Amino acid sequence: MFIVIMNMVKKICGLLLFANAINSAEFMKLEELEGKIGGRIQTIEIQHRTFSGGESTMKVQALDVACDSIQEIFKELYDMNFPIYSIGIYNHREIRNDPTKTPSIHAFGLAIDVNPYMNPSFDAIHNYVIPQRSSDYEEDKKQVKDDLSRYISDPAELDAIHKTIIQEKGSDDRFMNRGLQRPGMITPEIAQIFKKHGFNIWGGNWRQPMCYMIFQTNRRLAESLVNATKEEAQIIWNNHISKLNTNDNNTLLNTNNNTFSFFDIILKPFKWLKNALGF
């Protein structure tokens, strides 16, 4: 009996690996995406609050059908006096540390990074943190200021952002303590705003990596939008938002949709097992 059970376990493990490989192969590759997305990436201007108490604008690029929704998101954050120093959306790249070379949702113009220093990404398996920080306090202060200086030109704003990021020596948690709210940090309440406007997957709910800065759509939706005409895609996008708000249960998805969902993977071998045993 033990041998029979072990053979079943081996088959189940094999099916899990097979399902993951098949699913990765189904996804659009970066070269194919580049050919489809063409002129669908548009530039929009975002008005936002600053860390020095003023307001400013920045230009970002995103998929055409989501641009109005993105404007609505940041209009709500502006009205909340939520300060922003960085917004990153479109980036033609693959997922980091992914051997299948699957495009990032950023490559679809449907992933939004907000204030990376206050909302970092932690990858326990590959042992990295984004943005990278120095363990030496003085060196860290210098590196952060040098990095910010590349795109923050106003001295008062640069100083205000820097003071928010660099905390008191000996008590710097690098924003891992999410219960200690500081300017520019994403909260579950803010995440609901993104969800309401179509970006219902928040990296702050992921287990590995944990990425507080990112909001995105699922991959199936992203591929549907770029495979459709702009007119068809707008209908798909509007229906997506309508469904999110009609069936709103105040929860956010935590899957990055690079593989089958957890339940897809778990249930497949058990369905096979049921059929194999005849019950």
Protein backbone atom coordinates (compact mmCIF):
# COMPACT_ATOMS: atom_id res chain seq x y z
CA MET A 1 0.00 0.00 0.00
CA PHE A 2 2.87 2.34 0.87
CA ILE A 3 4.46 1.76 -2.55
CA VAL A 4 1.15 2.52 -4.28
CA ILE A 5 0.79 5.77 -2.34
CA MET A 6 4.38 6.81 -3.11
CA ASN A 7 3.85 6.15 -6.81
CA MET A 8 0.74 8.31 -6.70
CA VAL A 9 2.69 11.10 -4.97
CA LYS A 10 5.37 10.93 -7.67
CA LYS A 11 2.73 11.15 -10.39
CA ILE A 12 1.09 14.10 -8.67
CA CYS A 13 4.43 15.93 -8.36
CA GLY A 14 5.13 15.22 -12.01
CA LEU A 15 1.76 16.61 -12.99
CA LEU A 16 2.38 19.77 -10.98
CA LEU A 17 5.66 20.41 -12.80
CA PHE A 18 4.10 19.53 -16.15
CA ALA A 19 1.13 21.84 -15.57
CA ASN A 20 3.44 24.71 -14.65
CA ALA A 21 5.61 24.17 -17.73
CA ILE A 22 2.61 23.93 -20.07
CA ASN A 23 1.09 27.07 -18.58
CA SER A 24 4.33 29.08 -18.98
CA ALA A 25 4.59 27.96 -22.61
CA GLU A 26 1.07 29.25 -23.28
CA PHE A 27 1.97 32.82 -22.37
CA MET A 28 2.93 35.40 -24.98
CA LYS A 29 6.68 36.01 -25.27
CA LEU A 30 8.32 39.42 -25.28
CA GLU A 31 9.06 39.43 -29.01
CA GLU A 32 5.45 38.56 -29.86
CA LEU A 33 4.17 41.22 -27.48
CA GLU A 34 6.41 43.84 -29.05
CA GLY A 35 4.84 43.14 -32.42
CA LYS A 36 1.29 43.39 -31.09
CA ILE A 37 1.48 46.36 -28.77
CA GLY A 38 2.69 48.74 -31.50
CA GLY A 39 1.12 52.18 -31.10
CA ARG A 40 -1.05 51.10 -28.17
CA ILE A 41 1.26 52.63 -25.53
CA GLN A 42 0.29 56.22 -24.80
CA THR A 43 1.86 59.01 -22.75
CA ILE A 44 -0.28 60.67 -20.09
CA GLU A 45 0.39 63.40 -17.55
CA ILE A 46 -0.25 62.76 -13.86
CA GLN A 47 -0.82 65.55 -11.34
CA HIS A 48 0.35 64.61 -7.83
CA ARG A 49 1.22 65.91 -4.39
CA THR A 50 4.87 66.29 -3.43
CA PHE A 51 6.71 65.41 -0.23
CA SER A 52 7.56 69.07 0.34
CA GLY A 53 3.89 70.04 0.52
CA GLY A 54 3.36 71.26 -3.02
CA GLU A 55 2.15 69.71 -6.25
CA SER A 56 3.74 68.69 -9.51
CA THR A 57 3.18 66.63 -12.65
CA MET A 58 4.96 63.71 -14.26
CA LYS A 59 4.56 61.91 -17.56
CA VAL A 60 4.08 58.14 -17.72
CA GLN A 61 3.33 55.59 -20.44
CA ALA A 62 0.56 52.99 -20.26
CA LEU A 63 -1.72 50.85 -22.43
CA ASP A 64 -4.25 53.09 -24.18
CA VAL A 65 -7.47 51.58 -22.80
CA ALA A 66 -6.27 51.90 -19.18
CA CYS A 67 -5.09 55.51 -19.37
CA ASP A 68 -8.35 57.11 -18.18
CA SER A 69 -8.52 54.69 -15.26
CA ILE A 70 -4.95 55.51 -14.28
CA GLN A 71 -5.77 59.21 -14.36
CA GLU A 72 -8.74 58.53 -12.05
CA ILE A 73 -6.57 56.61 -9.59
CA PHE A 74 -4.06 59.39 -9.22
CA LYS A 75 -6.78 62.03 -9.07
CA GLU A 76 -8.11 60.25 -5.98
CA LEU A 77 -4.62 60.02 -4.48
CA TYR A 78 -4.11 63.72 -5.19
CA ASP A 79 -7.34 64.55 -3.37
CA MET A 80 -6.12 62.45 -0.41
CA ASN A 81 -2.88 64.49 -0.28
CA PHE A 82 -0.91 61.30 -0.88
CA PRO A 83 2.67 62.33 -1.84
CA ILE A 84 4.37 60.71 -4.82
CA TYR A 85 7.93 60.93 -6.08
CA SER A 86 7.90 58.05 -8.58
CA ILE A 87 5.40 56.27 -10.84
CA GLY A 88 6.56 53.52 -13.19
CA ILE A 89 4.21 51.77 -15.60
CA TYR A 90 5.37 50.72 -19.09
CA ASN A 91 8.71 48.91 -19.24
CA HIS A 92 9.58 46.52 -22.06
CA ARG A 93 11.17 43.72 -20.01
CA GLU A 94 10.77 40.15 -18.78
CA ILE A 95 9.96 39.10 -15.20
CA ARG A 96 13.04 39.22 -13.00
CA ASN A 97 14.62 35.84 -12.19
CA ASP A 98 12.10 33.98 -14.37
CA PRO A 99 13.68 31.15 -16.39
CA THR A 100 10.65 30.98 -18.73
CA LYS A 101 11.43 34.51 -20.03
CA THR A 102 7.79 35.55 -19.53
CA PRO A 103 7.09 39.27 -20.13
CA SER A 104 6.46 41.39 -17.07
CA ILE A 105 2.99 42.95 -16.89
CA HIS A 106 4.92 46.23 -17.12
CA ALA A 107 5.64 45.25 -20.74
CA PHE A 108 1.87 45.41 -21.38
CA GLY A 109 1.65 48.87 -19.81
CA LEU A 110 -0.64 47.41 -17.14
CA ALA A 111 1.51 47.35 -14.00
CA ILE A 112 2.01 50.41 -11.81
CA ASP A 113 4.92 50.94 -9.39
CA VAL A 114 4.47 53.71 -6.81
CA ASN A 115 7.16 55.18 -4.51
CA PRO A 116 9.57 52.21 -4.52
CA TYR A 117 11.63 53.33 -1.52
CA MET A 118 8.54 53.52 0.72
CA ASN A 119 7.04 50.39 -0.87
CA PRO A 120 9.95 48.03 -1.55
CA SER A 121 10.05 44.56 -3.03
CA PHE A 122 11.50 41.68 -0.97
CA ASP A 123 12.56 38.43 -2.62
CA ALA A 124 13.56 35.89 0.04
CA ILE A 125 14.47 33.12 -2.42
CA HIS A 126 16.81 35.15 -4.61
CA ASN A 127 17.93 37.30 -1.66
CA TYR A 128 17.37 40.78 -3.04
CA VAL A 129 15.54 43.95 -2.13
CA ILE A 130 14.40 46.57 -4.64
CA PRO A 131 15.46 49.35 -4.39
CA GLN A 132 18.85 48.14 -3.19
CA ARG A 133 20.07 49.73 0.05
CA SER A 134 23.46 49.79 1.75
CA SER A 135 23.88 48.27 5.22
CA ASP A 136 26.17 51.18 6.12
CA TYR A 137 24.08 54.11 7.38
CA GLU A 138 26.19 56.96 5.93
CA GLU A 139 26.74 55.14 2.64
CA ASP A 140 23.02 54.43 2.40
CA LYS A 141 22.19 58.13 2.87
CA LYS A 142 24.58 59.02 0.06
CA GLN A 143 23.40 56.29 -2.31
CA VAL A 144 19.73 57.15 -1.85
CA LYS A 145 20.35 60.86 -2.44
CA ASP A 146 22.45 60.15 -5.53
CA ASP A 147 19.71 57.89 -6.90
CA LEU A 148 16.94 60.43 -6.26
CA SER A 149 19.04 63.22 -7.79
CA ARG A 150 18.83 61.48 -11.15
CA TYR A 151 15.16 62.47 -11.52
CA ILE A 152 14.32 64.92 -8.70
CA SER A 153 15.65 68.37 -9.61
CA ASP A 154 13.99 70.54 -6.95
CA PRO A 155 16.32 70.77 -3.88
CA ALA A 156 13.47 71.19 -1.37
CA GLU A 157 11.60 68.18 -2.75
CA LEU A 158 14.78 66.10 -2.88
CA ASP A 159 15.48 66.92 0.77
CA ALA A 160 11.90 66.11 1.84
CA ILE A 161 11.90 62.73 0.09
CA HIS A 162 15.34 61.90 1.45
CA LYS A 163 14.28 62.71 5.03
CA THR A 164 11.25 60.43 4.64
CA ILE A 165 13.35 57.53 3.37
CA ILE A 166 16.33 57.80 5.72
CA GLN A 167 15.08 57.09 9.22
CA GLU A 168 16.83 57.49 12.55
CA LYS A 169 20.09 55.57 12.83
CA GLY A 170 19.61 52.27 14.62
CA SER A 171 15.86 52.15 14.06
CA ASP A 172 15.63 52.05 10.28
CA ASP A 173 13.20 49.26 9.32
CA ARG A 174 13.50 50.01 5.58
CA PHE A 175 9.68 50.26 5.51
CA MET A 176 9.21 46.59 6.38
CA ASN A 177 7.01 47.55 9.35
CA ARG A 178 3.84 48.31 7.42
CA GLY A 179 1.93 49.10 10.60
CA LEU A 180 4.07 52.19 11.12
CA GLN A 181 2.53 54.50 8.53
CA ARG A 182 4.77 57.10 6.91
CA PRO A 183 4.25 59.46 3.93
CA GLY A 184 4.11 57.72 0.56
CA MET A 185 3.43 54.22 1.91
CA ILE A 186 0.75 52.11 0.24
CA THR A 187 -1.98 50.92 2.60
CA PRO A 188 -4.80 48.42 2.02
CA GLU A 189 -7.17 51.40 1.77
CA ILE A 190 -5.13 52.89 -1.06
CA ALA A 191 -4.96 49.48 -2.70
CA GLN A 192 -8.75 49.48 -2.91
CA ILE A 193 -8.61 52.63 -5.05
CA PHE A 194 -6.42 50.83 -7.58
CA LYS A 195 -8.75 47.85 -7.54
CA LYS A 196 -11.81 50.02 -8.15
CA HIS A 197 -10.19 51.27 -11.35
CA GLY A 198 -9.09 47.89 -12.70
CA PHE A 199 -5.75 47.14 -11.02
CA ASN A 200 -6.96 44.48 -8.62
CA ILE A 201 -3.71 42.59 -8.02
CA TRP A 202 -1.47 44.14 -5.36
CA GLY A 203 2.04 42.87 -4.74
CA GLY A 204 1.61 43.68 -1.05
CA ASN A 205 -0.55 40.55 -0.85
CA TRP A 206 2.02 38.29 -2.52
CA ARG A 207 4.05 35.82 -0.48
CA GLN A 208 7.07 35.55 -2.78
CA PRO A 209 8.27 38.03 -3.76
CA MET A 210 6.44 40.56 -1.59
CA CYS A 211 6.23 43.77 -3.61
CA TYR A 212 4.39 46.65 -1.96
CA MET A 213 4.95 49.09 -4.81
CA ILE A 214 3.11 47.24 -7.60
CA PHE A 215 -0.48 47.06 -8.82
CA GLN A 216 -1.38 45.17 -11.97
CA THR A 217 -3.97 43.21 -13.91
CA ASN A 218 -3.83 39.46 -14.40
CA ARG A 219 -1.93 38.11 -17.38
CA ARG A 220 -4.94 36.64 -19.21
CA LEU A 221 -6.64 40.03 -19.22
CA ALA A 222 -3.44 41.76 -20.34
CA GLU A 223 -3.03 39.39 -23.28
CA SER A 224 -6.70 39.73 -24.23
CA LEU A 225 -6.36 43.52 -24.33
CA VAL A 226 -3.33 43.56 -26.64
CA ASN A 227 -4.74 40.82 -28.89
CA ALA A 228 -7.94 42.82 -29.45
CA THR A 229 -8.44 45.99 -31.45
CA LYS A 230 -8.44 49.17 -29.41
CA GLU A 231 -12.23 49.38 -29.65
CA GLU A 232 -12.70 45.76 -28.57
CA ALA A 233 -10.10 46.18 -25.83
CA GLN A 234 -11.94 49.19 -24.42
CA ILE A 235 -15.10 47.10 -24.06
CA ILE A 236 -13.12 44.30 -22.38
CA TRP A 237 -11.50 46.78 -19.98
CA ASN A 238 -14.79 48.49 -19.12
CA ASN A 239 -16.42 45.11 -18.46
CA HIS A 240 -13.48 44.15 -16.24
CA ILE A 241 -13.94 47.27 -14.10
CA SER A 242 -17.70 46.85 -14.00
CA LYS A 243 -17.33 43.28 -12.77
CA LEU A 244 -14.83 44.30 -10.10
CA ASN A 245 -17.19 46.94 -8.72
CA THR A 246 -20.36 44.85 -9.06
CA ASN A 247 -18.88 41.86 -7.25
CA ASP A 248 -16.76 43.91 -4.86
CA ASN A 249 -16.09 41.92 -1.70
CA ASN A 250 -13.38 44.33 -0.54
CA THR A 251 -10.60 41.86 -1.31
CA LEU A 252 -7.62 42.04 -3.62
CA LEU A 253 -6.18 39.18 -5.61
CA ASN A 254 -2.72 38.07 -4.58
CA THR A 255 -1.68 36.11 -7.65
CA ASN A 256 0.80 37.43 -10.20
CA ASN A 257 -0.64 35.01 -12.79
CA ASN A 258 2.71 33.85 -14.08
CA THR A 259 1.61 30.23 -13.52
CA PHE A 260 -1.67 28.46 -12.95
CA SER A 261 -3.53 29.74 -9.92
CA PHE A 262 -2.92 27.85 -6.69
CA PHE A 263 -6.27 26.08 -6.96
CA ASP A 264 -5.70 25.17 -10.62
CA ILE A 265 -2.42 23.49 -9.73
CA ILE A 266 -3.74 21.70 -6.66
CA LEU A 267 -6.99 20.47 -8.18
CA LYS A 268 -5.58 19.13 -11.45
CA PRO A 269 -3.73 16.14 -9.94
CA PHE A 270 -6.64 15.33 -7.64
CA LYS A 271 -9.02 15.28 -10.60
CA TRP A 272 -6.58 12.93 -12.29
CA LEU A 273 -6.40 10.81 -9.12
CA LYS A 274 -10.20 10.63 -8.94
CA ASN A 275 -10.39 9.39 -12.52
CA ALA A 276 -7.52 6.94 -12.01
CA LEU A 277 -9.17 5.36 -8.99
CA GLY A 278 -12.61 5.36 -10.60
CA PHE A 279 -14.59 7.42 -8.06
